[in-house]
Amino acid sequence: MALKQVAEELGFDEKELEKKALRAFIISELRRIKAEKACILLRYKKYGVKSVNDLFKLIEKDIVSDIDVHDDLIKLDYLEHIEKKLISLLKNLKIE
């Protein structure tokens, strides 16, 4: 079903409906990213890790090996990058 058709059926302005759909999509992606980050960080809960910085502190203190957590660090870095992009997009999305 086309955006134009949905807008007409619901009595919405097409541009406004498009913005609301984008907002909903971005929020959904943010939730997914945050959940994925939480799942990764949960692996290190026994060390009290709640953030990427906490994980780096464990490496600095030689509590965990950077080799052992390398893949998780790369994934977390990527997820944080995407999260920042999504937050920026959400802030720039003007909805009346």
PDB file of N, CA and C in Angstrom:
ATOM      1  N   MET A   1       0.851  -1.170   0.000  1.00  0.00           N
ATOM      2  CA  MET A   1       0.000   0.000   0.000  1.00  0.00           C
ATOM      3  C   MET A   1       0.902   1.240   0.000  1.00  0.00           C
ATOM      4  N   ALA A   2       0.584   2.190  -0.831  1.00  0.00           N
ATOM      5  CA  ALA A   2       1.401   3.389  -0.978  1.00  0.00           C
ATOM      6  C   ALA A   2       1.124   4.395   0.132  1.00  0.00           C
ATOM      7  N   LEU A   3       2.148   5.171   0.440  1.00  0.00           N
ATOM      8  CA  LEU A   3       2.048   6.203   1.471  1.00  0.00           C
ATOM      9  C   LEU A   3       0.916   7.173   1.168  1.00  0.00           C
ATOM     10  N   LYS A   4       0.808   7.556  -0.090  1.00  0.00           N
ATOM     11  CA  LYS A   4      -0.233   8.506  -0.503  1.00  0.00           C
ATOM     12  C   LYS A   4      -1.623   7.951  -0.208  1.00  0.00           C
ATOM     13  N   GLN A   5      -1.815   6.679  -0.504  1.00  0.00           N
ATOM     14  CA  GLN A   5      -3.112   6.045  -0.277  1.00  0.00           C
ATOM     15  C   GLN A   5      -3.446   5.991   1.215  1.00  0.00           C
ATOM     16  N   VAL A   6      -2.474   5.635   2.024  1.00  0.00           N
ATOM     17  CA  VAL A   6      -2.688   5.577   3.478  1.00  0.00           C
ATOM     18  C   VAL A   6      -3.020   6.961   4.015  1.00  0.00           C
ATOM     19  N   ALA A   7      -2.280   7.963   3.564  1.00  0.00           N
ATOM     20  CA  ALA A   7      -2.524   9.341   4.006  1.00  0.00           C
ATOM     21  C   ALA A   7      -3.939   9.778   3.653  1.00  0.00           C
ATOM     22  N   GLU A   8      -4.370   9.466   2.441  1.00  0.00           N
ATOM     23  CA  GLU A   8      -5.729   9.830   2.023  1.00  0.00           C
ATOM     24  C   GLU A   8      -6.777   9.105   2.857  1.00  0.00           C
ATOM     25  N   GLU A   9      -6.560   7.814   3.081  1.00  0.00           N
ATOM     26  CA  GLU A   9      -7.517   7.012   3.855  1.00  0.00           C
ATOM     27  C   GLU A   9      -7.664   7.527   5.287  1.00  0.00           C
ATOM     28  N   LEU A  10      -6.557   7.955   5.868  1.00  0.00           N
ATOM     29  CA  LEU A  10      -6.571   8.400   7.263  1.00  0.00           C
ATOM     30  C   LEU A  10      -6.767   9.901   7.415  1.00  0.00           C
ATOM     31  N   GLY A  11      -6.751  10.610   6.308  1.00  0.00           N
ATOM     32  CA  GLY A  11      -6.940  12.056   6.361  1.00  0.00           C
ATOM     33  C   GLY A  11      -5.714  12.810   6.853  1.00  0.00           C
ATOM     34  N   PHE A  12      -4.533  12.254   6.613  1.00  0.00           N
ATOM     35  CA  PHE A  12      -3.280  12.896   7.014  1.00  0.00           C
ATOM     36  C   PHE A  12      -2.622  13.557   5.812  1.00  0.00           C
ATOM     37  N   ASP A  13      -1.822  14.561   6.095  1.00  0.00           N
ATOM     38  CA  ASP A  13      -0.950  15.128   5.081  1.00  0.00           C
ATOM     39  C   ASP A  13       0.126  14.086   4.782  1.00  0.00           C
ATOM     40  N   GLU A  14       0.417  13.865   3.514  1.00  0.00           N
ATOM     41  CA  GLU A  14       1.375  12.827   3.120  1.00  0.00           C
ATOM     42  C   GLU A  14       2.759  13.056   3.728  1.00  0.00           C
ATOM     43  N   LYS A  15       3.236  14.298   3.713  1.00  0.00           N
ATOM     44  CA  LYS A  15       4.562  14.608   4.273  1.00  0.00           C
ATOM     45  C   LYS A  15       4.593  14.364   5.781  1.00  0.00           C
ATOM     46  N   GLU A  16       3.504  14.736   6.450  1.00  0.00           N
ATOM     47  CA  GLU A  16       3.439  14.548   7.898  1.00  0.00           C
ATOM     48  C   GLU A  16       3.424  13.055   8.249  1.00  0.00           C
ATOM     49  N   LEU A  17       2.670  12.283   7.485  1.00  0.00           N
ATOM     50  CA  LEU A  17       2.633  10.835   7.701  1.00  0.00           C
ATOM     51  C   LEU A  17       4.013  10.221   7.459  1.00  0.00           C
ATOM     52  N   GLU A  18       4.695  10.702   6.442  1.00  0.00           N
ATOM     53  CA  GLU A  18       6.039  10.216   6.143  1.00  0.00           C
ATOM     54  C   GLU A  18       6.989  10.502   7.310  1.00  0.00           C
ATOM     55  N   LYS A  19       6.909  11.690   7.870  1.00  0.00           N
ATOM     56  CA  LYS A  19       7.762  12.049   9.009  1.00  0.00           C
ATOM     57  C   LYS A  19       7.449  11.190  10.226  1.00  0.00           C
ATOM     58  N   LYS A  20       6.156  10.955  10.466  1.00  0.00           N
ATOM     59  CA  LYS A  20       5.772  10.125  11.613  1.00  0.00           C
ATOM     60  C   LYS A  20       6.247   8.686  11.429  1.00  0.00           C
ATOM     61  N   ALA A  21       6.175   8.205  10.204  1.00  0.00           N
ATOM     62  CA  ALA A  21       6.651   6.846   9.920  1.00  0.00           C
ATOM     63  C   ALA A  21       8.167   6.762  10.115  1.00  0.00           C
ATOM     64  N   LEU A  22       8.885   7.778   9.657  1.00  0.00           N
ATOM     65  CA  LEU A  22      10.337   7.812   9.854  1.00  0.00           C
ATOM     66  C   LEU A  22      10.683   7.851  11.334  1.00  0.00           C
ATOM     67  N   ARG A  23       9.958   8.666  12.082  1.00  0.00           N
ATOM     68  CA  ARG A  23      10.193   8.771  13.525  1.00  0.00           C
ATOM     69  C   ARG A  23       9.984   7.411  14.204  1.00  0.00           C
ATOM     70  N   ALA A  24       8.884   6.745  13.848  1.00  0.00           N
ATOM     71  CA  ALA A  24       8.590   5.433  14.434  1.00  0.00           C
ATOM     72  C   ALA A  24       9.680   4.422  14.077  1.00  0.00           C
ATOM     73  N   PHE A  25      10.150   4.469  12.835  1.00  0.00           N
ATOM     74  CA  PHE A  25      11.209   3.559  12.401  1.00  0.00           C
ATOM     75  C   PHE A  25      12.501   3.821  13.171  1.00  0.00           C
ATOM     76  N   ILE A  26      12.878   5.089  13.295  1.00  0.00           N
ATOM     77  CA  ILE A  26      14.117   5.440  14.001  1.00  0.00           C
ATOM     78  C   ILE A  26      14.041   5.007  15.461  1.00  0.00           C
ATOM     79  N   ILE A  27      12.910   5.247  16.101  1.00  0.00           N
ATOM     80  CA  ILE A  27      12.733   4.845  17.501  1.00  0.00           C
ATOM     81  C   ILE A  27      12.822   3.322  17.630  1.00  0.00           C
ATOM     82  N   SER A  28      12.228   2.618  16.698  1.00  0.00           N
ATOM     83  CA  SER A  28      12.291   1.152  16.709  1.00  0.00           C
ATOM     84  C   SER A  28      13.734   0.662  16.562  1.00  0.00           C
ATOM     85  N   GLU A  29      14.485   1.281  15.669  1.00  0.00           N
ATOM     86  CA  GLU A  29      15.886   0.914  15.475  1.00  0.00           C
ATOM     87  C   GLU A  29      16.720   1.237  16.715  1.00  0.00           C
ATOM     88  N   LEU A  30      16.439   2.371  17.346  1.00  0.00           N
ATOM     89  CA  LEU A  30      17.152   2.724  18.581  1.00  0.00           C
ATOM     90  C   LEU A  30      16.923   1.677  19.661  1.00  0.00           C
ATOM     91  N   ARG A  31      15.693   1.223  19.788  1.00  0.00           N
ATOM     92  CA  ARG A  31      15.382   0.182  20.779  1.00  0.00           C
ATOM     93  C   ARG A  31      16.146  -1.102  20.474  1.00  0.00           C
ATOM     94  N   ARG A  32      16.188  -1.468  19.198  1.00  0.00           N
ATOM     95  CA  ARG A  32      16.891  -2.683  18.794  1.00  0.00           C
ATOM     96  C   ARG A  32      18.386  -2.573  19.091  1.00  0.00           C
ATOM     97  N   ILE A  33      18.970  -1.424  18.780  1.00  0.00           N
ATOM     98  CA  ILE A  33      20.396  -1.193  19.021  1.00  0.00           C
ATOM     99  C   ILE A  33      20.694  -1.260  20.517  1.00  0.00           C
ATOM    100  N   LYS A  34      19.867  -0.594  21.318  1.00  0.00           N
ATOM    101  CA  LYS A  34      20.078  -0.587  22.771  1.00  0.00           C
ATOM    102  C   LYS A  34      19.952  -1.993  23.352  1.00  0.00           C
ATOM    103  N   ALA A  35      19.005  -2.769  22.842  1.00  0.00           N
ATOM    104  CA  ALA A  35      18.832  -4.145  23.316  1.00  0.00           C
ATOM    105  C   ALA A  35      20.039  -5.004  22.952  1.00  0.00           C
ATOM    106  N   GLU A  36      20.555  -4.811  21.751  1.00  0.00           N
ATOM    107  CA  GLU A  36      21.730  -5.577  21.319  1.00  0.00           C
ATOM    108  C   GLU A  36      22.953  -5.218  22.160  1.00  0.00           C
ATOM    109  N   LYS A  37      23.119  -3.923  22.448  1.00  0.00           N
ATOM    110  CA  LYS A  37      24.227  -3.496  23.313  1.00  0.00           C
ATOM    111  C   LYS A  37      24.083  -4.108  24.704  1.00  0.00           C
ATOM    112  N   ALA A  38      22.868  -4.097  25.225  1.00  0.00           N
ATOM    113  CA  ALA A  38      22.620  -4.642  26.560  1.00  0.00           C
ATOM    114  C   ALA A  38      22.946  -6.135  26.614  1.00  0.00           C
ATOM    115  N   CYS A  39      22.614  -6.871  25.561  1.00  0.00           N
ATOM    116  CA  CYS A  39      22.916  -8.310  25.511  1.00  0.00           C
ATOM    117  C   CYS A  39      24.418  -8.560  25.550  1.00  0.00           C
ATOM    118  N   ILE A  40      25.165  -7.735  24.830  1.00  0.00           N
ATOM    119  CA  ILE A  40      26.624  -7.892  24.824  1.00  0.00           C
ATOM    120  C   ILE A  40      27.188  -7.565  26.201  1.00  0.00           C
ATOM    121  N   LEU A  41      26.756  -6.451  26.775  1.00  0.00           N
ATOM    122  CA  LEU A  41      27.280  -6.028  28.079  1.00  0.00           C
ATOM    123  C   LEU A  41      26.887  -6.999  29.192  1.00  0.00           C
ATOM    124  N   LEU A  42      25.770  -7.686  29.007  1.00  0.00           N
ATOM    125  CA  LEU A  42      25.309  -8.656  30.006  1.00  0.00           C
ATOM    126  C   LEU A  42      26.325  -9.786  30.203  1.00  0.00           C
ATOM    127  N   ARG A  43      27.091 -10.080  29.173  1.00  0.00           N
ATOM    128  CA  ARG A  43      28.123 -11.129  29.272  1.00  0.00           C
ATOM    129  C   ARG A  43      29.176 -10.789  30.323  1.00  0.00           C
ATOM    130  N   TYR A  44      29.323  -9.508  30.602  1.00  0.00           N
ATOM    131  CA  TYR A  44      30.361  -9.048  31.530  1.00  0.00           C
ATOM    132  C   TYR A  44      29.767  -8.508  32.833  1.00  0.00           C
ATOM    133  N   LYS A  45      28.517  -8.886  33.088  1.00  0.00           N
ATOM    134  CA  LYS A  45      27.814  -8.407  34.283  1.00  0.00           C
ATOM    135  C   LYS A  45      28.550  -8.793  35.563  1.00  0.00           C
ATOM    136  N   LYS A  46      29.147  -9.974  35.584  1.00  0.00           N
ATOM    137  CA  LYS A  46      29.835 -10.430  36.798  1.00  0.00           C
ATOM    138  C   LYS A  46      31.005  -9.525  37.171  1.00  0.00           C
ATOM    139  N   TYR A  47      31.468  -8.720  36.204  1.00  0.00           N
ATOM    140  CA  TYR A  47      32.546  -7.763  36.465  1.00  0.00           C
ATOM    141  C   TYR A  47      32.008  -6.360  36.754  1.00  0.00           C
ATOM    142  N   GLY A  48      30.696  -6.217  36.754  1.00  0.00           N
ATOM    143  CA  GLY A  48      30.087  -4.911  37.010  1.00  0.00           C
ATOM    144  C   GLY A  48      30.095  -3.983  35.804  1.00  0.00           C
ATOM    145  N   VAL A  49      30.249  -4.542  34.621  1.00  0.00           N
ATOM    146  CA  VAL A  49      30.313  -3.733  33.397  1.00  0.00           C
ATOM    147  C   VAL A  49      28.921  -3.242  33.007  1.00  0.00           C
ATOM    148  N   LYS A  50      28.824  -1.919  32.802  1.00  0.00           N
ATOM    149  CA  LYS A  50      27.565  -1.317  32.366  1.00  0.00           C
ATOM    150  C   LYS A  50      27.735  -0.473  31.109  1.00  0.00           C
ATOM    151  N   SER A  51      28.982  -0.343  30.645  1.00  0.00           N
ATOM    152  CA  SER A  51      29.244   0.472  29.458  1.00  0.00           C
ATOM    153  C   SER A  51      30.521  -0.012  28.775  1.00  0.00           C
ATOM    154  N   VAL A  52      30.745   0.509  27.593  1.00  0.00           N
ATOM    155  CA  VAL A  52      31.968   0.178  26.859  1.00  0.00           C
ATOM    156  C   VAL A  52      33.184   0.655  27.649  1.00  0.00           C
ATOM    157  N   ASN A  53      33.066   1.813  28.264  1.00  0.00           N
ATOM    158  CA  ASN A  53      34.179   2.335  29.076  1.00  0.00           C
ATOM    159  C   ASN A  53      34.529   1.391  30.219  1.00  0.00           C
ATOM    160  N   ASP A  54      33.511   0.815  30.851  1.00  0.00           N
ATOM    161  CA  ASP A  54      33.761  -0.160  31.920  1.00  0.00           C
ATOM    162  C   ASP A  54      34.530  -1.366  31.378  1.00  0.00           C
ATOM    163  N   LEU A  55      34.179  -1.774  30.175  1.00  0.00           N
ATOM    164  CA  LEU A  55      34.855  -2.911  29.556  1.00  0.00           C
ATOM    165  C   LEU A  55      36.320  -2.573  29.268  1.00  0.00           C
ATOM    166  N   PHE A  56      36.571  -1.366  28.792  1.00  0.00           N
ATOM    167  CA  PHE A  56      37.951  -0.934  28.557  1.00  0.00           C
ATOM    168  C   PHE A  56      38.750  -0.900  29.865  1.00  0.00           C
ATOM    169  N   LYS A  57      38.108  -0.500  30.953  1.00  0.00           N
ATOM    170  CA  LYS A  57      38.790  -0.470  32.255  1.00  0.00           C
ATOM    171  C   LYS A  57      39.213  -1.875  32.679  1.00  0.00           C
ATOM    172  N   LEU A  58      38.363  -2.866  32.393  1.00  0.00           N
ATOM    173  CA  LEU A  58      38.722  -4.254  32.709  1.00  0.00           C
ATOM    174  C   LEU A  58      39.946  -4.697  31.918  1.00  0.00           C
ATOM    175  N   ILE A  59      40.013  -4.268  30.680  1.00  0.00           N
ATOM    176  CA  ILE A  59      41.170  -4.611  29.841  1.00  0.00           C
ATOM    177  C   ILE A  59      42.423  -3.938  30.386  1.00  0.00           C
ATOM    178  N   GLU A  60      42.310  -2.660  30.737  1.00  0.00           N
ATOM    179  CA  GLU A  60      43.454  -1.920  31.282  1.00  0.00           C
ATOM    180  C   GLU A  60      43.982  -2.550  32.565  1.00  0.00           C
ATOM    181  N   LYS A  61      43.076  -3.089  33.369  1.00  0.00           N
ATOM    182  CA  LYS A  61      43.467  -3.714  34.636  1.00  0.00           C
ATOM    183  C   LYS A  61      43.853  -5.183  34.452  1.00  0.00           C
ATOM    184  N   ASP A  62      43.859  -5.660  33.214  1.00  0.00           N
ATOM    185  CA  ASP A  62      44.171  -7.057  32.888  1.00  0.00           C
ATOM    186  C   ASP A  62      43.231  -8.051  33.562  1.00  0.00           C
ATOM    187  N   ILE A  63      42.003  -7.644  33.777  1.00  0.00           N
ATOM    188  CA  ILE A  63      41.005  -8.561  34.334  1.00  0.00           C
ATOM    189  C   ILE A  63      40.459  -9.448  33.219  1.00  0.00           C
ATOM    190  N   VAL A  64      40.292  -8.853  32.045  1.00  0.00           N
ATOM    191  CA  VAL A  64      39.920  -9.625  30.856  1.00  0.00           C
ATOM    192  C   VAL A  64      40.926  -9.296  29.750  1.00  0.00           C
ATOM    193  N   SER A  65      41.085 -10.226  28.846  1.00  0.00           N
ATOM    194  CA  SER A  65      42.028 -10.041  27.739  1.00  0.00           C
ATOM    195  C   SER A  65      41.348  -9.311  26.587  1.00  0.00           C
ATOM    196  N   ASP A  66      42.072  -8.374  25.999  1.00  0.00           N
ATOM    197  CA  ASP A  66      41.502  -7.661  24.854  1.00  0.00           C
ATOM    198  C   ASP A  66      41.252  -8.613  23.687  1.00  0.00           C
ATOM    199  N   ILE A  67      42.004  -9.682  23.635  1.00  0.00           N
ATOM    200  CA  ILE A  67      41.797 -10.690  22.590  1.00  0.00           C
ATOM    201  C   ILE A  67      40.447 -11.377  22.787  1.00  0.00           C
ATOM    202  N   ASP A  68      40.114 -11.666  24.051  1.00  0.00           N
ATOM    203  CA  ASP A  68      38.858 -12.350  24.357  1.00  0.00           C
ATOM    204  C   ASP A  68      37.631 -11.480  24.092  1.00  0.00           C
ATOM    205  N   VAL A  69      37.766 -10.180  24.253  1.00  0.00           N
ATOM    206  CA  VAL A  69      36.604  -9.289  24.109  1.00  0.00           C
ATOM    207  C   VAL A  69      36.638  -8.475  22.812  1.00  0.00           C
ATOM    208  N   HIS A  70      37.614  -8.756  21.967  1.00  0.00           N
ATOM    209  CA  HIS A  70      37.794  -7.978  20.733  1.00  0.00           C
ATOM    210  C   HIS A  70      36.521  -7.890  19.891  1.00  0.00           C
ATOM    211  N   ASP A  71      35.908  -9.030  19.606  1.00  0.00           N
ATOM    212  CA  ASP A  71      34.706  -9.033  18.765  1.00  0.00           C
ATOM    213  C   ASP A  71      33.580  -8.217  19.393  1.00  0.00           C
ATOM    214  N   ASP A  72      33.420  -8.356  20.706  1.00  0.00           N
ATOM    215  CA  ASP A  72      32.378  -7.588  21.394  1.00  0.00           C
ATOM    216  C   ASP A  72      32.670  -6.090  21.349  1.00  0.00           C
ATOM    217  N   LEU A  73      33.934  -5.720  21.504  1.00  0.00           N
ATOM    218  CA  LEU A  73      34.305  -4.300  21.440  1.00  0.00           C
ATOM    219  C   LEU A  73      34.027  -3.713  20.061  1.00  0.00           C
ATOM    220  N   ILE A  74      34.354  -4.463  19.032  1.00  0.00           N
ATOM    221  CA  ILE A  74      34.102  -4.004  17.659  1.00  0.00           C
ATOM    222  C   ILE A  74      32.602  -3.829  17.441  1.00  0.00           C
ATOM    223  N   LYS A  75      31.825  -4.810  17.880  1.00  0.00           N
ATOM    224  CA  LYS A  75      30.366  -4.750  17.713  1.00  0.00           C
ATOM    225  C   LYS A  75      29.785  -3.585  18.511  1.00  0.00           C
ATOM    226  N   LEU A  76      30.231  -3.405  19.748  1.00  0.00           N
ATOM    227  CA  LEU A  76      29.737  -2.297  20.574  1.00  0.00           C
ATOM    228  C   LEU A  76      30.093  -0.947  19.968  1.00  0.00           C
ATOM    229  N   ASP A  77      31.288  -0.836  19.436  1.00  0.00           N
ATOM    230  CA  ASP A  77      31.701   0.410  18.794  1.00  0.00           C
ATOM    231  C   ASP A  77      30.790   0.721  17.608  1.00  0.00           C
ATOM    232  N   TYR A  78      30.525  -0.289  16.810  1.00  0.00           N
ATOM    233  CA  TYR A  78      29.632  -0.127  15.660  1.00  0.00           C
ATOM    234  C   TYR A  78      28.224   0.274  16.113  1.00  0.00           C
ATOM    235  N   LEU A  79      27.706  -0.424  17.118  1.00  0.00           N
ATOM    236  CA  LEU A  79      26.357  -0.130  17.610  1.00  0.00           C
ATOM    237  C   LEU A  79      26.263   1.286  18.177  1.00  0.00           C
ATOM    238  N   GLU A  80      27.282   1.721  18.885  1.00  0.00           N
ATOM    239  CA  GLU A  80      27.273   3.082  19.425  1.00  0.00           C
ATOM    240  C   GLU A  80      27.326   4.118  18.307  1.00  0.00           C
ATOM    241  N   HIS A  81      28.067   3.824  17.259  1.00  0.00           N
ATOM    242  CA  HIS A  81      28.130   4.722  16.101  1.00  0.00           C
ATOM    243  C   HIS A  81      26.744   4.859  15.460  1.00  0.00           C
ATOM    244  N   ILE A  82      26.080   3.743  15.250  1.00  0.00           N
ATOM    245  CA  ILE A  82      24.740   3.754  14.661  1.00  0.00           C
ATOM    246  C   ILE A  82      23.752   4.448  15.594  1.00  0.00           C
ATOM    247  N   GLU A  83      23.873   4.190  16.890  1.00  0.00           N
ATOM    248  CA  GLU A  83      22.984   4.823  17.867  1.00  0.00           C
ATOM    249  C   GLU A  83      23.104   6.348  17.807  1.00  0.00           C
ATOM    250  N   LYS A  84      24.319   6.853  17.726  1.00  0.00           N
ATOM    251  CA  LYS A  84      24.529   8.304  17.633  1.00  0.00           C
ATOM    252  C   LYS A  84      23.917   8.872  16.361  1.00  0.00           C
ATOM    253  N   LYS A  85      24.063   8.153  15.253  1.00  0.00           N
ATOM    254  CA  LYS A  85      23.461   8.591  13.991  1.00  0.00           C
ATOM    255  C   LYS A  85      21.941   8.657  14.109  1.00  0.00           C
ATOM    256  N   LEU A  86      21.354   7.624  14.685  1.00  0.00           N
ATOM    257  CA  LEU A  86      19.901   7.572  14.827  1.00  0.00           C
ATOM    258  C   LEU A  86      19.392   8.693  15.728  1.00  0.00           C
ATOM    259  N   ILE A  87      20.095   8.949  16.821  1.00  0.00           N
ATOM    260  CA  ILE A  87      19.702  10.031  17.730  1.00  0.00           C
ATOM    261  C   ILE A  87      19.774  11.370  17.011  1.00  0.00           C
ATOM    262  N   SER A  88      20.813  11.573  16.237  1.00  0.00           N
ATOM    263  CA  SER A  88      20.959  12.812  15.466  1.00  0.00           C
ATOM    264  C   SER A  88      19.826  12.958  14.454  1.00  0.00           C
ATOM    265  N   LEU A  89      19.516  11.882  13.754  1.00  0.00           N
ATOM    266  CA  LEU A  89      18.418  11.917  12.785  1.00  0.00           C
ATOM    267  C   LEU A  89      17.095  12.230  13.466  1.00  0.00           C
ATOM    268  N   LEU A  90      16.882  11.631  14.621  1.00  0.00           N
ATOM    269  CA  LEU A  90      15.643  11.862  15.358  1.00  0.00           C
ATOM    270  C   LEU A  90      15.526  13.319  15.794  1.00  0.00           C
ATOM    271  N   LYS A  91      16.622  13.892  16.253  1.00  0.00           N
ATOM    272  CA  LYS A  91      16.615  15.298  16.672  1.00  0.00           C
ATOM    273  C   LYS A  91      16.336  16.233  15.499  1.00  0.00           C
ATOM    274  N   ASN A  92      16.831  15.876  14.323  1.00  0.00           N
ATOM    275  CA  ASN A  92      16.671  16.729  13.149  1.00  0.00           C
ATOM    276  C   ASN A  92      15.336  16.556  12.436  1.00  0.00           C
ATOM    277  N   LEU A  93      14.575  15.544  12.830  1.00  0.00           N
ATOM    278  CA  LEU A  93      13.285  15.287  12.208  1.00  0.00           C
ATOM    279  C   LEU A  93      12.246  16.222  12.813  1.00  0.00           C
ATOM    280  N   LYS A  94      11.766  17.133  12.026  1.00  0.00           N
ATOM    281  CA  LYS A  94      10.791  18.125  12.505  1.00  0.00           C
ATOM    282  C   LYS A  94       9.379  17.599  12.268  1.00  0.00           C
ATOM    283  N   ILE A  95       8.674  17.375  13.358  1.00  0.00           N
ATOM    284  CA  ILE A  95       7.283  16.927  13.256  1.00  0.00           C
ATOM    285  C   ILE A  95       6.397  17.981  13.899  1.00  0.00           C
ATOM    286  N   GLU A  96       5.421  18.438  13.127  1.00  0.00           N
ATOM    287  CA  GLU A  96       4.507  19.478  13.625  1.00  0.00           C
ATOM    288  C   GLU A  96       3.352  18.877  14.373  1.00  0.00           C
TER     289      GLU A  96
END
